[in-house]
C-alpha atoms as a PDB file:
ATOM      1  CA  MET A   1      35.714  10.529  12.975  1.00  0.00           C
ATOM      2  CA  ARG A   2      35.869   7.543  10.646  1.00  0.00           C
ATOM      3  CA  TYR A   3      34.206   5.383  13.330  1.00  0.00           C
ATOM      4  CA  LEU A   4      31.446   7.946  13.791  1.00  0.00           C
ATOM      5  CA  VAL A   5      30.711   7.944  10.049  1.00  0.00           C
ATOM      6  CA  PHE A   6      30.687   4.128  10.030  1.00  0.00           C
ATOM      7  CA  ALA A   7      28.365   3.967  13.068  1.00  0.00           C
ATOM      8  CA  LEU A   8      26.027   6.547  11.533  1.00  0.00           C
ATOM      9  CA  ALA A   9      25.919   4.616   8.235  1.00  0.00           C
ATOM     10  CA  PHE A  10      25.168   1.395  10.139  1.00  0.00           C
ATOM     11  CA  VAL A  11      22.311   3.006  12.097  1.00  0.00           C
ATOM     12  CA  CYS A  12      20.792   4.454   8.885  1.00  0.00           C
ATOM     13  CA  ALA A  13      21.015   1.086   7.129  1.00  0.00           C
ATOM     14  CA  ALA A  14      19.366  -0.668  10.079  1.00  0.00           C
ATOM     15  CA  ALA A  15      16.556   1.904  10.192  1.00  0.00           C
ATOM     16  CA  THR A  16      15.935   1.545   6.434  1.00  0.00           C
ATOM     17  CA  SER A  17      15.909  -2.242   6.749  1.00  0.00           C
ATOM     18  CA  THR A  18      13.428  -2.085   9.635  1.00  0.00           C
ATOM     19  CA  ARG A  19      11.097   0.209   7.662  1.00  0.00           C
ATOM     20  CA  ALA A  20      11.215  -2.142   4.662  1.00  0.00           C
ATOM     21  CA  GLN A  21      10.295  -5.092   6.890  1.00  0.00           C
ATOM     22  CA  ASP A  22       7.383  -3.107   8.348  1.00  0.00           C
ATOM     23  CA  ALA A  23       5.876  -2.367   4.934  1.00  0.00           C
ATOM     24  CA  ILE A  24       2.400  -3.859   4.605  1.00  0.00           C
ATOM     25  CA  PRO A  25       2.349  -6.182   1.574  1.00  0.00           C
ATOM     26  CA  ASP A  26       0.228  -5.081  -1.383  1.00  0.00           C
ATOM     27  CA  LEU A  27      -2.032  -8.028  -2.204  1.00  0.00           C
ATOM     28  CA  LYS A  28      -4.138  -6.403  -4.938  1.00  0.00           C
ATOM     29  CA  GLY A  29      -4.346  -8.324  -8.180  1.00  0.00           C
ATOM     30  CA  THR A  30      -4.870 -11.930  -9.203  1.00  0.00           C
ATOM     31  CA  TRP A  31      -3.548 -14.895  -7.216  1.00  0.00           C
ATOM     32  CA  SER A  32      -3.898 -18.393  -8.643  1.00  0.00           C
ATOM     33  CA  GLY A  33      -2.769 -21.849  -7.746  1.00  0.00           C
ATOM     34  CA  LYS A  34      -3.326 -25.586  -7.836  1.00  0.00           C
ATOM     35  CA  GLY A  35      -3.678 -27.907  -4.894  1.00  0.00           C
ATOM     36  CA  LYS A  36      -5.365 -30.932  -3.430  1.00  0.00           C
ATOM     37  CA  SER A  37      -8.587 -31.192  -1.452  1.00  0.00           C
ATOM     38  CA  ILE A  38     -10.051 -33.803   0.813  1.00  0.00           C
ATOM     39  CA  VAL A  39     -13.681 -33.981  -0.295  1.00  0.00           C
ATOM     40  CA  PHE A  40     -16.711 -35.472   1.435  1.00  0.00           C
ATOM     41  CA  GLY A  41     -19.721 -35.708  -0.863  1.00  0.00           C
ATOM     42  CA  THR A  42     -20.048 -33.123  -3.632  1.00  0.00           C
ATOM     43  CA  ASN A  43     -20.317 -29.371  -4.118  1.00  0.00           C
ATOM     44  CA  PRO A  44     -19.959 -26.955  -7.051  1.00  0.00           C
ATOM     45  CA  HIS A  45     -16.146 -27.137  -6.906  1.00  0.00           C
ATOM     46  CA  HIS A  46     -16.071 -30.944  -6.617  1.00  0.00           C
ATOM     47  CA  PRO A  47     -18.916 -32.433  -8.631  1.00  0.00           C
ATOM     48  CA  GLY A  48     -19.726 -36.127  -8.552  1.00  0.00           C
ATOM     49  CA  SER A  49     -22.179 -38.679  -7.301  1.00  0.00           C
ATOM     50  CA  GLN A  50     -20.561 -39.309  -3.893  1.00  0.00           C
ATOM     51  CA  ALA A  51     -22.614 -38.958  -0.724  1.00  0.00           C
ATOM     52  CA  ALA A  52     -21.241 -37.321   2.405  1.00  0.00           C
ATOM     53  CA  THR A  53     -21.311 -40.787   4.021  1.00  0.00           C
ATOM     54  CA  ASP A  54     -19.011 -42.256   1.331  1.00  0.00           C
ATOM     55  CA  PRO A  55     -15.270 -42.417   2.021  1.00  0.00           C
ATOM     56  CA  PRO A  56     -13.536 -39.080   1.369  1.00  0.00           C
ATOM     57  CA  ARG A  57     -11.678 -38.541  -1.889  1.00  0.00           C
ATOM     58  CA  VAL A  58      -8.612 -36.480  -2.687  1.00  0.00           C
ATOM     59  CA  ARG A  59      -9.066 -34.209  -5.698  1.00  0.00           C
ATOM     60  CA  ASP A  60      -6.995 -31.698  -7.600  1.00  0.00           C
ATOM     61  CA  ILE A  61      -8.344 -28.162  -7.728  1.00  0.00           C
ATOM     62  CA  GLU A  62      -7.276 -24.934  -9.393  1.00  0.00           C
ATOM     63  CA  ALA A  63      -8.529 -21.621  -8.064  1.00  0.00           C
ATOM     64  CA  THR A  64      -8.137 -17.906  -8.585  1.00  0.00           C
ATOM     65  CA  TYR A  65      -8.470 -15.135  -6.014  1.00  0.00           C
ATOM     66  CA  THR A  66      -8.814 -11.591  -7.276  1.00  0.00           C
ATOM     67  CA  VAL A  67      -8.018  -9.054  -4.567  1.00  0.00           C
ATOM     68  CA  GLU A  68     -10.082  -6.082  -5.720  1.00  0.00           C
ATOM     69  CA  GLY A  69      -9.272  -3.718  -2.875  1.00  0.00           C
ATOM     70  CA  GLN A  70      -6.969  -3.179   0.058  1.00  0.00           C
ATOM     71  CA  GLU A  71      -6.903  -0.598   2.811  1.00  0.00           C
ATOM     72  CA  GLY A  72      -3.926  -1.038   5.104  1.00  0.00           C
ATOM     73  CA  ARG A  73      -4.045  -4.539   6.555  1.00  0.00           C
ATOM     74  CA  LEU A  74      -7.527  -5.352   5.187  1.00  0.00           C
ATOM     75  CA  ALA A  75      -8.052  -6.860   1.731  1.00  0.00           C
ATOM     76  CA  TRP A  76     -11.152  -8.092  -0.111  1.00  0.00           C
ATOM     77  CA  GLY A  77     -12.160  -9.583  -3.428  1.00  0.00           C
ATOM     78  CA  ARG A  78     -13.732 -12.567  -5.186  1.00  0.00           C
ATOM     79  CA  SER A  79     -12.716 -16.171  -5.788  1.00  0.00           C
ATOM     80  CA  ALA A  80     -13.508 -18.898  -8.303  1.00  0.00           C
ATOM     81  CA  SER A  81     -12.292 -22.348  -9.286  1.00  0.00           C
ATOM     82  CA  THR A  82     -11.945 -23.938 -12.707  1.00  0.00           C
ATOM     83  CA  ALA A  83     -14.947 -26.125 -11.807  1.00  0.00           C
ATOM     84  CA  ALA A  84     -17.239 -23.282 -10.651  1.00  0.00           C
ATOM     85  CA  ASP A  85     -16.899 -19.598 -11.555  1.00  0.00           C
ATOM     86  CA  THR A  86     -18.811 -18.458  -8.456  1.00  0.00           C
ATOM     87  CA  LYS A  87     -17.039 -15.116  -7.843  1.00  0.00           C
ATOM     88  CA  GLU A  88     -17.572 -15.686  -4.127  1.00  0.00           C
ATOM     89  CA  PRO A  89     -16.663 -12.673  -1.955  1.00  0.00           C
ATOM     90  CA  PHE A  90     -13.869 -12.993   0.634  1.00  0.00           C
ATOM     91  CA  ALA A  91     -12.140 -10.743   3.178  1.00  0.00           C
ATOM     92  CA  TRP A  92      -8.618 -11.089   4.588  1.00  0.00           C
ATOM     93  CA  ALA A  93      -6.716  -9.401   7.444  1.00  0.00           C
ATOM     94  CA  ILE A  94      -2.913  -9.167   7.431  1.00  0.00           C
ATOM     95  CA  ALA A  95      -1.244  -9.689  10.843  1.00  0.00           C
ATOM     96  CA  SER A  96       1.479  -7.391  12.161  1.00  0.00           C
ATOM     97  CA  ASP A  97       4.227  -9.818  11.050  1.00  0.00           C
ATOM     98  CA  ASN A  98       3.200  -9.014   7.420  1.00  0.00           C
ATOM     99  CA  LYS A  99       3.270 -12.748   6.599  1.00  0.00           C
ATOM    100  CA  THR A 100       0.219 -14.204   8.361  1.00  0.00           C
ATOM    101  CA  ILE A 101      -3.253 -13.638   6.916  1.00  0.00           C
ATOM    102  CA  VAL A 102      -6.580 -14.835   8.287  1.00  0.00           C
ATOM    103  CA  GLY A 103      -9.836 -14.469   6.447  1.00  0.00           C
ATOM    104  CA  ALA A 104     -13.266 -15.732   5.583  1.00  0.00           C
ATOM    105  CA  ASP A 105     -15.687 -16.086   2.700  1.00  0.00           C
ATOM    106  CA  VAL A 106     -19.406 -16.843   2.861  1.00  0.00           C
ATOM    107  CA  ASP A 107     -18.900 -20.409   4.076  1.00  0.00           C
ATOM    108  CA  GLY A 108     -15.384 -20.932   5.398  1.00  0.00           C
ATOM    109  CA  TYR A 109     -12.095 -19.672   6.778  1.00  0.00           C
ATOM    110  CA  PHE A 110      -8.576 -19.044   5.430  1.00  0.00           C
ATOM    111  CA  ARG A 111      -5.155 -19.357   7.051  1.00  0.00           C
ATOM    112  CA  ILE A 112      -2.586 -17.902   4.673  1.00  0.00           C
ATOM    113  CA  THR A 113       1.179 -17.465   4.977  1.00  0.00           C
ATOM    114  CA  LEU A 114       3.059 -15.175   2.602  1.00  0.00           C
ATOM    115  CA  ILE A 115       6.191 -17.104   1.599  1.00  0.00           C
ATOM    116  CA  GLY A 116       7.491 -14.466  -0.818  1.00  0.00           C
ATOM    117  CA  PRO A 117       6.396 -11.226  -2.473  1.00  0.00           C
ATOM    118  CA  ASP A 118       4.395 -13.149  -5.072  1.00  0.00           C
ATOM    119  CA  ARG A 119       3.822 -16.516  -3.328  1.00  0.00           C
ATOM    120  CA  MET A 120       1.473 -17.638  -0.577  1.00  0.00           C
ATOM    121  CA  GLU A 121       0.478 -20.881   1.094  1.00  0.00           C
ATOM    122  CA  LYS A 122      -3.274 -21.005   1.621  1.00  0.00           C
ATOM    123  CA  CYS A 123      -5.221 -23.420   3.809  1.00  0.00           C
ATOM    124  CA  TYR A 124      -9.004 -23.366   3.803  1.00  0.00           C
ATOM    125  CA  THR A 125     -11.673 -25.078   5.843  1.00  0.00           C
ATOM    126  CA  PRO A 126     -15.452 -24.709   5.515  1.00  0.00           C
ATOM    127  CA  GLN A 127     -17.697 -23.784   8.428  1.00  0.00           C
ATOM    128  CA  ARG A 128     -20.062 -26.728   8.294  1.00  0.00           C
ATOM    129  CA  HIS A 129     -21.415 -29.111  10.899  1.00  0.00           C
ATOM    130  CA  LYS A 130     -20.799 -32.002   8.537  1.00  0.00           C
ATOM    131  CA  PRO A 131     -17.550 -33.133   6.863  1.00  0.00           C
ATOM    132  CA  GLU A 132     -16.597 -30.822   3.998  1.00  0.00           C
ATOM    133  CA  PRO A 133     -13.512 -30.435   1.837  1.00  0.00           C
ATOM    134  CA  ILE A 134     -10.368 -28.950   3.311  1.00  0.00           C
ATOM    135  CA  ASP A 135      -7.410 -27.811   1.273  1.00  0.00           C
ATOM    136  CA  ARG A 136      -3.868 -26.496   1.209  1.00  0.00           C
ATOM    137  CA  ARG A 137      -2.124 -24.875  -1.764  1.00  0.00           C
ATOM    138  CA  HIS A 138       0.610 -22.571  -2.897  1.00  0.00           C
ATOM    139  CA  MET A 139      -0.548 -19.600  -4.951  1.00  0.00           C
ATOM    140  CA  SER A 140       1.272 -17.186  -7.218  1.00  0.00           C
ATOM    141  CA  HIS A 141       0.525 -13.540  -7.939  1.00  0.00           C
ATOM    142  CA  ASP A 142       0.648 -12.516 -11.575  1.00  0.00           C
ATOM    143  CA  GLY A 143       1.056  -8.810 -10.831  1.00  0.00           C
ATOM    144  CA  SER A 144      -2.189  -7.862 -12.556  1.00  0.00           C
ATOM    145  CA  TYR A 145      -5.247  -6.122 -11.225  1.00  0.00           C
ATOM    146  CA  GLN A 146      -8.651  -6.539 -12.788  1.00  0.00           C
ATOM    147  CA  THR A 147     -12.049  -5.549 -11.465  1.00  0.00           C
ATOM    148  CA  ILE A 148     -14.629  -8.298 -11.780  1.00  0.00           C
ATOM    149  CA  SER A 149     -18.300  -7.563 -12.284  1.00  0.00           C
ATOM    150  CA  THR A 150     -20.130  -9.564  -9.660  1.00  0.00           C
ATOM    151  CA  PRO A 151     -23.499 -11.265  -9.894  1.00  0.00           C
ATOM    152  CA  ALA A 152     -25.548 -11.829  -6.755  1.00  0.00           C
ATOM    153  CA  ALA A 153     -23.608 -13.977  -4.298  1.00  0.00           C
ATOM    154  CA  SER A 154     -24.535 -17.630  -4.171  1.00  0.00           C
ATOM    155  CA  SER A 155     -24.027 -20.068  -1.333  1.00  0.00           C
ATOM    156  CA  TRP A 156     -21.599 -22.939  -1.943  1.00  0.00           C
ATOM    157  CA  SER A 157     -18.987 -25.049  -0.249  1.00  0.00           C
ATOM    158  CA  MET A 158     -15.457 -24.002  -1.048  1.00  0.00           C
ATOM    159  CA  VAL A 159     -12.792 -26.631  -1.626  1.00  0.00           C
ATOM    160  CA  CYS A 160      -9.019 -26.725  -2.190  1.00  0.00           C
ATOM    161  CA  LEU A 161      -6.600 -24.448  -3.969  1.00  0.00           C
ATOM    162  CA  THR A 162      -2.837 -24.767  -3.997  1.00  0.00           C
END
């Protein structure tokens, strides 16, 4: 009987652990981070006088992503950097491993890995036919949720966040 109770307790613990691993992460709120970008030329997030034909430069960038909504594995919101408060819309999709996220904004693509409940590694590349900035950064979630009023979307080249 003692072995049956032990086996039953083990099966219940394993089932609870599996359900916890299957929980879709809640991304709503504000994520922010600093990182480095490789920049060709200039854009709102990396101002300067460089031309796209000049050698690339590596720049620091700080960005914020506000996830305004989430339904299951789909999340959406707005982003901005300290250089340009563009409030650019983005959309993300969480993969079945609950760690991998792919997404897009108006001019580029995200590859994100959740590395903890409040940490992510984000890589971004623009969708241009010319060299544009590319970035990688770690971001932290502050646990808050704030709705942002959004002006009409503008077109711009996104750069790095870490």
